[in-house]
Protein backbone atom coordinates (compact mmCIF):
# COMPACT_ATOMS: atom_id res chain seq x y z
CA MET A 1 18.16 -12.98 -25.47
CA THR A 2 15.29 -10.55 -25.63
CA SER A 3 13.50 -13.86 -26.30
CA PHE A 4 13.64 -17.29 -24.37
CA PRO A 5 12.40 -20.68 -24.47
CA ALA A 6 8.66 -21.46 -23.41
CA THR A 7 10.66 -23.55 -20.09
CA VAL A 8 13.84 -23.48 -18.56
CA THR A 9 13.96 -27.18 -19.37
CA PRO A 10 17.38 -27.65 -20.44
CA ASN A 11 17.23 -28.89 -24.32
CA SER A 12 19.13 -30.91 -26.29
CA PRO A 13 21.25 -29.27 -29.24
CA ALA A 14 18.68 -30.35 -31.33
CA GLU A 15 15.99 -29.07 -29.52
CA GLU A 16 17.99 -25.55 -28.70
CA PRO A 17 15.62 -22.49 -29.58
CA GLU A 18 17.19 -20.68 -32.61
CA GLU A 19 16.58 -17.27 -30.59
CA ARG A 20 19.63 -19.18 -28.24
CA THR A 21 21.75 -19.31 -30.72
CA SER A 22 22.11 -15.68 -31.72
CA SER A 23 24.28 -13.61 -30.14
CA PRO A 24 23.96 -13.35 -25.91
CA TYR A 25 25.62 -9.71 -25.95
CA ASN A 26 22.09 -7.80 -26.56
CA ALA A 27 20.06 -5.40 -24.33
CA THR A 28 18.89 -8.19 -22.10
CA PHE A 29 22.57 -9.19 -21.21
CA ALA A 30 23.18 -5.29 -20.42
CA ALA A 31 20.68 -4.92 -17.93
CA CYS A 32 22.10 -7.97 -16.06
CA TYR A 33 25.63 -6.54 -16.45
CA ILE A 34 24.35 -3.21 -14.72
CA ALA A 35 21.99 -4.78 -12.25
CA ASN A 36 25.14 -6.84 -10.77
CA THR A 37 27.61 -3.97 -10.88
CA ALA A 38 25.79 -1.75 -9.51
CA THR A 39 24.54 -4.38 -6.95
CA MET A 40 28.97 -4.89 -6.52
CA ILE A 41 28.96 -0.96 -5.91
CA ALA A 42 26.41 -1.42 -3.12
CA VAL A 43 28.78 -3.73 -1.18
CA SER A 44 31.98 -2.75 -1.78
CA CYS A 45 30.69 0.94 -1.13
CA THR A 46 29.41 -0.38 2.56
CA PHE A 47 33.38 -1.71 3.24
CA ARG A 48 33.70 0.55 5.62
CA TYR A 49 31.41 -1.09 7.98
CA ASP A 50 33.97 -0.98 10.67
CA ASP A 51 33.78 2.92 10.74
CA PHE A 52 29.92 1.88 11.62
CA VAL A 53 30.68 -0.58 14.46
CA HIS A 54 33.43 1.44 15.55
CA LEU A 55 31.27 5.01 16.05
CA HIS A 56 28.96 2.98 18.40
CA GLY A 57 31.80 1.79 20.46
CA GLY A 58 32.23 -1.85 18.93
CA THR A 59 35.62 -3.74 19.10
CA ALA A 60 37.28 -5.43 16.04
CA PHE A 61 35.63 -8.47 17.98
CA ASP A 62 32.14 -7.33 17.48
CA LEU A 63 32.90 -6.43 14.10
CA GLY A 64 33.99 -10.43 13.12
CA LEU A 65 30.68 -11.43 15.46
CA ILE A 66 28.64 -9.24 13.41
CA VAL A 67 29.59 -10.53 10.29
CA GLY A 68 30.24 -13.86 11.02
CA LEU A 69 26.55 -14.63 12.35
CA GLY A 70 25.70 -12.54 9.29
CA THR A 71 26.46 -15.04 6.94
CA LEU A 72 23.76 -17.45 8.65
CA GLY A 73 21.30 -15.09 6.65
CA ALA A 74 23.69 -16.07 3.20
CA LEU A 75 23.31 -19.54 4.42
CA THR A 76 19.21 -19.54 4.39
CA SER A 77 19.41 -17.52 1.14
CA ARG A 78 21.53 -20.74 -0.13
CA ALA A 79 18.92 -22.94 1.27
CA MET A 80 16.17 -21.48 -0.30
CA GLN A 81 18.25 -21.39 -3.86
CA ALA A 82 18.78 -25.21 -3.55
CA PHE A 83 15.46 -26.38 -2.97
CA GLY A 84 13.49 -23.60 -4.37
CA LEU A 85 15.07 -21.54 -6.77
CA ASP A 86 13.94 -23.87 -9.70
CA ARG A 87 10.52 -23.84 -8.57
CA ILE A 88 9.77 -20.93 -7.94
CA GLY A 89 12.13 -18.89 -10.92
CA PRO A 90 15.48 -16.41 -11.00
CA ARG A 91 13.06 -13.15 -11.46
CA VAL A 92 11.08 -13.20 -8.00
CA MET A 93 14.22 -14.63 -6.60
CA TRP A 94 16.24 -11.75 -7.75
CA LEU A 95 13.85 -8.82 -7.05
CA SER A 96 12.85 -9.87 -3.83
CA CYS A 97 15.94 -10.65 -2.58
CA LEU A 98 17.08 -7.05 -3.88
CA ALA A 99 13.65 -5.50 -1.92
CA VAL A 100 15.49 -7.58 1.58
CA TYR A 101 18.81 -5.75 0.33
CA ILE A 102 17.92 -2.51 0.06
CA GLY A 103 15.57 -3.11 3.30
CA SER A 104 18.24 -4.23 5.77
CA VAL A 105 20.47 -1.24 4.61
CA LEU A 106 18.10 1.04 5.78
CA PHE A 107 17.88 -0.64 8.63
CA HIS A 108 21.35 -0.27 9.77
CA THR A 109 20.56 3.78 9.96
CA GLN A 110 18.05 3.02 12.45
CA LEU A 111 20.09 1.44 14.66
CA ASP A 112 22.69 2.96 17.28
CA ASN A 113 23.61 0.01 18.88
CA VAL A 114 26.15 -2.83 18.16
CA THR A 115 25.73 -5.38 20.83
CA GLN A 116 22.11 -6.12 20.82
CA PRO A 117 20.44 -8.23 18.43
CA PRO A 118 18.98 -5.83 15.93
CA VAL A 119 22.52 -5.14 14.03
CA TYR A 120 22.96 -8.76 13.21
CA ILE A 121 19.38 -9.44 12.21
CA ALA A 122 20.19 -6.28 10.12
CA ARG A 123 23.34 -7.92 9.13
CA MET A 124 21.93 -11.58 8.33
CA MET A 125 18.99 -9.62 6.21
CA MET A 126 21.64 -7.70 4.21
CA MET A 127 23.42 -10.80 3.45
CA LEU A 128 20.02 -12.49 2.88
CA GLY A 129 19.47 -10.65 -0.01
CA LEU A 130 22.64 -10.51 -1.39
CA ALA A 131 23.28 -13.80 -1.81
CA GLY A 132 19.93 -14.23 -3.38
CA ALA A 133 20.16 -11.52 -5.36
CA PHE A 134 23.99 -12.63 -7.15
CA GLY A 135 22.27 -16.47 -6.66
CA ALA A 136 19.38 -15.63 -9.21
CA SER A 137 20.87 -13.35 -11.68
CA LEU A 138 23.82 -16.49 -12.51
CA THR A 139 20.76 -18.92 -12.82
CA PHE A 140 18.75 -16.31 -14.75
CA VAL A 141 21.81 -15.45 -17.17
CA SER A 142 22.71 -19.15 -17.49
CA GLN A 143 19.61 -20.03 -18.80
CA ALA A 144 18.65 -17.66 -20.93
CA GLY A 145 22.09 -17.66 -23.10
CA PRO A 146 23.05 -20.40 -25.26
CA VAL A 147 24.60 -23.96 -23.58
CA GLY A 148 27.65 -24.27 -25.70
CA ARG A 149 28.82 -20.62 -24.70
CA MET A 150 27.40 -20.70 -21.19
CA GLY A 151 30.61 -20.40 -19.56
CA GLU A 152 31.85 -17.64 -21.78
CA LEU A 153 28.80 -15.69 -20.81
CA LEU A 154 29.00 -16.08 -16.96
CA GLY A 155 32.53 -15.17 -16.81
CA MET A 156 31.89 -12.13 -18.47
CA LEU A 157 29.47 -11.41 -15.95
CA GLY A 158 31.33 -11.71 -13.91
CA THR A 159 33.49 -9.25 -14.42
CA SER A 160 30.87 -7.17 -12.80
CA GLY A 161 32.38 -8.12 -9.66
CA PHE A 162 35.37 -6.36 -10.40
CA VAL A 163 34.35 -3.19 -11.88
CA GLY A 164 32.00 -2.66 -8.54
CA LEU A 165 34.99 -3.39 -6.38
CA ALA A 166 37.08 -0.90 -7.92
CA ILE A 167 34.97 1.58 -7.69
CA GLY A 168 32.86 0.88 -4.51
CA PRO A 169 36.05 1.57 -1.83
CA SER A 170 36.55 4.73 -3.36
CA LEU A 171 33.52 6.08 -3.11
CA SER A 172 33.00 5.16 0.72
CA ASP A 173 36.34 6.58 0.84
CA TRP A 174 35.06 10.19 -0.67
CA LEU A 175 31.28 9.91 1.01
CA LEU A 176 33.06 9.31 4.35
CA GLY A 177 36.71 10.80 4.54
CA ASP A 178 39.32 9.73 7.07
CA SER A 179 37.10 10.99 10.36
CA PRO A 180 33.21 10.02 9.97
CA GLN A 181 30.99 10.66 11.64
CA MET A 182 27.39 9.52 11.82
CA SER A 183 25.82 11.26 9.31
CA ASP A 184 28.87 10.46 6.88
CA ILE A 185 28.01 6.62 8.36
CA ASN A 186 24.19 7.01 7.26
CA ARG A 187 25.20 9.14 3.75
CA MET A 188 27.29 5.69 3.29
CA PHE A 189 23.74 3.34 3.80
CA TYR A 190 21.70 5.51 1.69
CA THR A 191 24.24 5.50 -1.62
CA ALA A 192 24.01 1.56 -1.33
CA ALA A 193 20.22 1.47 -1.38
CA GLY A 194 20.01 3.71 -4.54
CA LEU A 195 22.36 1.59 -6.27
CA ALA A 196 20.62 -1.34 -4.97
CA SER A 197 17.44 0.22 -6.22
CA LEU A 198 19.22 1.04 -9.76
CA ALA A 199 20.13 -2.84 -9.89
CA TRP A 200 15.85 -3.62 -8.99
CA SER A 201 14.91 -1.69 -11.83
CA MET A 202 17.61 -3.18 -14.03
CA ALA A 203 16.64 -6.94 -13.06
CA TRP A 204 13.26 -6.04 -13.33
CA TRP A 205 13.26 -5.05 -17.32
CA ALA A 206 16.11 -7.80 -17.85
CA THR A 207 13.54 -10.68 -16.76
CA ARG A 208 10.15 -9.10 -17.65
CA HIS A 209 9.94 -11.74 -20.07
CA ALA A 210 11.29 -14.37 -18.20
CA PRO A 211 9.39 -18.09 -18.56
CA ARG A 212 7.35 -19.60 -15.70
CA PRO A 213 9.91 -22.37 -14.24
CA VAL A 214 8.53 -25.58 -14.85
CA GLU A 215 7.41 -28.14 -12.21
CA ARG A 216 10.15 -30.37 -11.04
CA ARG A 217 10.74 -32.97 -8.24
CA TRP A 218 12.83 -31.63 -5.05
CA PRO A 219 16.56 -32.20 -4.83
CA SER A 220 17.51 -34.46 -2.15
CA LEU A 221 20.01 -34.72 0.69
CA SER A 222 20.67 -37.68 -0.77
CA SER A 223 22.14 -35.83 -4.10
CA ILE A 224 24.16 -33.76 -1.89
CA ARG A 225 25.96 -36.74 -0.07
CA GLN A 226 26.41 -39.04 -3.33
CA PHE A 227 27.97 -36.06 -5.47
CA HIS A 228 29.33 -33.60 -3.22
CA SER A 229 33.18 -32.57 -4.19
CA GLY A 230 34.91 -33.48 -1.06
CA THR A 231 37.98 -31.94 0.22
CA LEU A 232 37.25 -28.89 -2.39
CA LEU A 233 34.43 -28.31 -0.10
CA ILE A 234 37.02 -27.67 2.62
CA VAL A 235 39.01 -25.44 0.16
CA ALA A 236 35.77 -23.24 -0.60
CA ALA A 237 35.36 -22.86 2.95
CA ALA A 238 38.90 -21.55 3.60
CA MET A 239 38.89 -19.36 0.27
CA GLY A 240 35.63 -17.68 1.32
CA LEU A 241 37.62 -16.41 4.38
CA GLY A 242 40.47 -15.26 2.76
CA LEU A 243 38.47 -13.28 0.08
CA SER A 244 36.48 -11.77 2.45
CA LEU A 245 38.87 -10.80 5.07
CA PRO A 246 39.54 -7.61 3.11
CA GLY A 247 36.29 -6.18 2.59
CA VAL A 248 35.75 -6.39 6.43
CA PHE A 249 39.35 -5.57 8.91
CA VAL A 250 41.39 -3.66 5.95
CA ARG A 251 39.67 -0.77 6.81
CA SER A 252 40.55 -0.83 10.52
CA PHE A 253 44.11 -1.98 9.78
CA VAL A 254 45.07 1.06 7.76
CA ARG A 255 42.91 3.24 10.08
CA GLN A 256 45.48 1.83 12.93
CA ALA A 257 48.15 2.34 11.30
CA GLY A 258 47.34 5.59 9.63
CA LEU A 259 47.44 4.97 5.99
CA GLY A 260 44.69 6.67 5.15
CA GLY A 261 41.56 5.05 3.11
CA ILE A 262 40.70 1.64 1.13
CA GLY A 263 40.21 2.66 -2.21
CA ARG A 264 43.41 2.21 -3.67
CA PHE A 265 43.68 -1.26 -1.72
CA PHE A 266 40.63 -2.33 -3.73
CA LEU A 267 41.37 -0.28 -6.90
CA VAL A 268 44.94 -2.42 -7.14
CA TYR A 269 43.05 -5.62 -6.29
CA ALA A 270 40.26 -5.68 -9.17
CA THR A 271 42.41 -4.25 -11.80
CA VAL A 272 44.96 -7.52 -11.03
CA ALA A 273 42.10 -9.91 -10.55
CA LEU A 274 40.68 -8.77 -14.14
CA ILE A 275 43.58 -8.92 -15.97
CA VAL A 276 44.65 -12.12 -14.47
CA ARG A 277 40.97 -13.49 -15.04
CA ILE A 278 41.04 -12.88 -18.87
CA ALA A 279 44.72 -14.41 -18.97
CA THR A 280 43.90 -17.71 -17.10
CA ARG A 281 40.34 -17.77 -18.42
CA SER A 282 40.55 -21.51 -19.71
CA ALA A 283 43.57 -22.35 -17.24
CA SER A 284 41.64 -25.14 -15.61
CA ASP A 285 40.58 -26.43 -19.49
CA ARG A 286 44.20 -26.66 -20.13
CA ILE A 287 46.39 -27.77 -17.23
CA GLY A 288 43.17 -29.32 -15.35
CA ILE A 289 41.14 -27.78 -12.10
CA ARG A 290 43.33 -29.50 -8.83
CA PRO A 291 46.80 -27.37 -10.34
CA VAL A 292 44.78 -24.29 -10.49
CA VAL A 293 43.29 -24.37 -6.96
CA LEU A 294 46.92 -25.17 -5.62
CA THR A 295 48.14 -21.79 -6.61
CA GLY A 296 45.35 -19.96 -6.01
CA MET A 297 45.53 -20.94 -2.40
CA CYS A 298 48.96 -20.59 -2.42
CA PHE A 299 48.69 -16.89 -3.75
CA LEU A 300 45.91 -16.62 -1.08
CA SER A 301 48.12 -17.54 1.90
CA ALA A 302 50.89 -15.30 0.84
CA SER A 303 48.14 -12.42 0.77
CA MET A 304 47.18 -12.83 4.23
CA MET A 305 50.95 -12.63 5.25
CA SER A 306 52.11 -10.10 2.91
CA PHE A 307 50.71 -7.95 5.10
CA LEU A 308 53.09 -7.74 7.53
CA LEU A 309 55.25 -6.07 5.18
CA VAL A 310 52.51 -2.84 4.80
CA SER A 311 53.77 -0.25 6.48
CA THR A 312 52.95 2.74 4.20
CA SER A 313 49.97 3.35 1.50
CA ALA A 314 52.59 2.65 -1.10
CA THR A 315 53.26 -0.87 0.34
CA LEU A 316 49.51 -1.70 0.62
CA VAL A 317 49.46 -2.86 -3.15
CA ILE A 318 51.17 -5.79 -2.34
CA PRO A 319 48.78 -7.88 -0.47
CA ALA A 320 46.24 -6.16 -2.58
CA MET A 321 48.17 -7.76 -6.00
CA LEU A 322 48.10 -11.01 -4.31
CA THR A 323 44.44 -11.05 -3.29
CA GLY A 324 43.73 -10.23 -6.44
CA VAL A 325 45.65 -13.22 -8.48
CA ALA A 326 44.11 -15.41 -5.81
CA HIS A 327 40.54 -14.41 -6.34
CA ALA A 328 41.08 -14.63 -10.10
CA LEU A 329 42.33 -18.36 -9.90
CA LEU A 330 40.72 -19.98 -7.00
CA PHE A 331 37.29 -18.82 -8.22
CA PRO A 332 36.48 -20.62 -11.07
CA ALA A 333 38.47 -23.10 -10.87
CA VAL A 334 36.70 -23.90 -7.03
CA VAL A 335 32.86 -23.26 -8.25
CA SER A 336 33.64 -25.23 -11.71
CA GLY A 337 34.99 -28.28 -9.86
CA GLY A 338 32.12 -28.21 -7.29
CA ASN A 339 29.48 -28.56 -10.32
CA LEU A 340 31.91 -30.98 -12.50
CA SER A 341 30.76 -33.39 -9.15
CA PHE A 342 27.24 -33.33 -10.13
CA PRO A 343 25.28 -33.72 -13.13
CA LEU A 344 23.65 -31.06 -15.06
CA HIS A 345 20.28 -30.68 -13.82
CA TYR A 346 21.47 -30.61 -10.22
CA ARG A 347 24.17 -27.90 -11.79
CA GLY A 348 22.04 -25.08 -9.48
CA LEU A 349 22.40 -27.21 -6.26
CA ALA A 350 26.19 -27.67 -6.87
CA THR A 351 26.76 -23.39 -7.11
CA THR A 352 24.76 -23.14 -4.03
CA LEU A 353 26.94 -26.06 -1.80
CA THR A 354 30.30 -24.64 -3.32
CA LEU A 355 28.98 -20.88 -1.97
CA ALA A 356 27.52 -22.30 1.04
CA MET A 357 30.44 -23.82 1.88
CA PHE A 358 32.30 -20.03 1.44
CA ASP A 359 29.83 -19.04 3.72
CA VAL A 360 30.85 -21.34 6.32
CA GLY A 361 34.12 -19.91 6.10
CA ASN A 362 33.05 -16.78 7.46
CA LEU A 363 30.02 -18.04 9.75
CA ILE A 364 33.69 -19.54 11.56
CA GLY A 365 36.36 -17.31 10.43
CA GLN A 366 35.33 -13.75 10.57
CA PRO A 367 34.46 -13.98 14.85
CA LEU A 368 37.72 -16.34 14.83
CA ALA A 369 39.62 -12.97 12.85
CA GLY A 370 37.78 -10.80 15.33
CA LEU A 371 38.85 -12.56 18.68
CA SER A 372 42.39 -13.10 17.20
CA VAL A 373 42.66 -9.63 17.14
CA ARG A 374 40.85 -8.93 20.40
CA ILE A 375 43.50 -11.54 22.23
CA ALA A 376 46.43 -9.96 20.31
CA GLU A 377 45.36 -6.82 21.86
CA LEU A 378 45.60 -7.81 25.22
CA SER A 379 48.15 -9.68 25.06
CA GLY A 380 50.61 -7.22 23.78
CA LEU A 381 51.08 -8.65 20.76
CA PRO A 382 50.64 -7.25 16.87
CA PRO A 383 46.46 -7.15 16.60
CA HIS A 384 46.08 -7.69 12.87
CA GLY A 385 49.59 -9.00 12.55
CA THR A 386 48.65 -12.00 14.71
CA MET A 387 45.21 -12.33 12.69
CA PHE A 388 46.70 -12.68 8.97
CA VAL A 389 48.86 -14.94 10.57
CA VAL A 390 46.49 -17.20 11.80
CA VAL A 391 43.83 -16.93 8.36
CA ALA A 392 47.17 -17.79 6.36
CA THR A 393 48.12 -20.56 8.20
CA LEU A 394 44.14 -21.66 8.15
CA ILE A 395 44.36 -21.46 4.41
CA GLY A 396 47.77 -23.35 4.27
CA THR A 397 46.06 -26.67 6.18
CA ALA A 398 43.35 -26.30 4.05
CA ALA A 399 45.29 -26.32 0.93
CA ALA A 400 47.72 -29.27 2.48
CA ILE A 401 44.59 -31.02 3.04
CA TYR A 402 43.79 -30.63 -0.51
CA ALA A 403 46.96 -31.59 -2.22
CA ILE A 404 47.54 -34.84 0.09
CA ARG A 405 43.64 -35.83 -0.70
CA PRO A 406 41.94 -34.53 -4.17
CA PRO A 407 38.49 -35.20 -4.54
CA ARG A 408 37.79 -37.02 -7.99
CA VAL A 409 36.22 -35.03 -9.93
CA LEU A 410 33.68 -36.72 -12.25
CA SER A 411 32.58 -35.63 -15.64
CA TYR A 412 29.02 -34.88 -16.49
CA ALA A 413 28.60 -37.89 -18.56
CA GLU A 414 30.28 -39.95 -15.45
CA ALA A 415 27.74 -37.99 -12.76
CA MET A 416 24.75 -38.62 -15.40
CA SER A 417 25.39 -41.81 -15.96
CA ARG A 418 25.06 -42.98 -12.21
CA GLU A 419 22.03 -40.72 -11.63
CA ALA A 420 20.44 -42.98 -14.12
CA ALA A 421 20.34 -45.96 -12.44
CA SER A 422 18.88 -43.32 -9.34
CA ASP A 423 15.02 -42.88 -9.08
CA ASP A 424 15.70 -39.62 -11.04
CA GLY A 425 17.17 -41.69 -14.19
CA GLN A 426 14.57 -41.10 -16.63
CA ALA A 427 15.17 -37.58 -16.31
CA ALA A 428 18.67 -37.39 -15.98
CA SER A 429 18.99 -39.22 -19.41
CA ALA A 430 16.97 -37.11 -21.02
CA VAL A 431 19.67 -34.37 -21.08
CA VAL A 432 23.05 -36.53 -21.22
CA THR A 433 23.74 -35.41 -24.76
CA GLU A 434 23.91 -31.92 -23.34
CA ALA A 435 25.57 -32.89 -20.18
CA ILE A 436 28.73 -34.39 -22.65
CA VAL A 437 27.99 -31.08 -24.83
CA THR A 438 28.35 -28.54 -22.06
CA ASP A 439 31.18 -30.23 -20.19
CA SER A 440 33.60 -28.43 -21.59
CA CYS A 441 32.25 -25.05 -20.66
CA HIS A 442 32.32 -25.34 -17.12
CA SER A 443 35.82 -23.87 -16.16
CA GLU A 444 34.03 -20.43 -15.64
CA ASP A 445 31.12 -21.91 -14.08
CA PRO A 446 28.61 -19.07 -12.15
CA VAL A 447 32.02 -17.69 -9.93
CA ALA A 448 32.89 -14.15 -9.64
CA ALA A 449 30.09 -11.75 -9.18
CA SER A 450 29.20 -12.79 -5.78
CA ALA A 451 33.22 -11.89 -4.98
CA SER A 452 33.19 -11.25 -3.44
């Protein structure tokens, strides 16, 4: 990947540049991997965001509201990617969004109130930068590598998320300890900014030879209506809530239960997820997307309920293991299932739509989770236990809807044939051959790096 095609326009196999048929595992991929790993360490280093809110006098509801509304920034970033990434190119998007993330993290060190607009703005900008950076990195790697190995390449890049997830929470436990002061919280944010700066440097180096993007038509909203993956989008929203909840509320849960830090939970989570991801990397190809999605949703719902069994730090590994299995199964299946509903030249839009539903799940679910904790406290019920039951019920409901009314997932060839009848037909038919060739490699399409 040290050299790139002249444009990002898809080529047929006969036109595939010689440079892209060589091994993609070189210095450029290594730089991308380091950038994504550093970014994920920065993100998971701030999983003790609850301490920041708590020290400023905030409640669980404040935490859920800040995190939930913060996903408006991620949704804004998704819209920017859906309608602008192919026009401005992944390099500009990646570097700009990392800069926004660094600035927003540093802005947190200047805040002294968690009930006023500045904290919501800071969180929104933080999520805007994060979502944009991950989306751009996935797009860059998907364009730079050999078409026939795209699924493998993106799956390997996705493992960087698990590496970061294993390191970041333990780092934050070391920085903050059990009874952090505001100086410790600021040190956490400075560390995250430093790691993101390392990621910016690696991204700048990796993309230094990236080609200028070609001009193309903006995708229309009618494309979303025509190709969307139906009830799989509901699953994506529930998955977004379930997989993001540990990074928000596990800290407050272990603090109230007197179980210490969060490092062990996320170390087990990430290790199990990595092992299961490797072991099941071709599961969607072998048995189909629907069985994998339903299995993953069962594990995710069970992981929420298993928090009710936690009484010691040792038993905390039970939900960690179940969540890791769910993460490993769901991300590849849900994202690739969403992609298979869209033609090849809307791959970025398809991935963005699925990840946007992930954010919608957080936008609605995180405030609801925080509210359930608060209501339970006022009602004399177990606060976090009530929240986990509510979330498990939501996940189970989404899984039931998907099981009863599964969408029909098109192959790329079918989707492209249908697109050929529209105004974009001429452009679509030019890449039908590549669509058929690459159809088999989407079981691990851009998935795990946004884990997160």
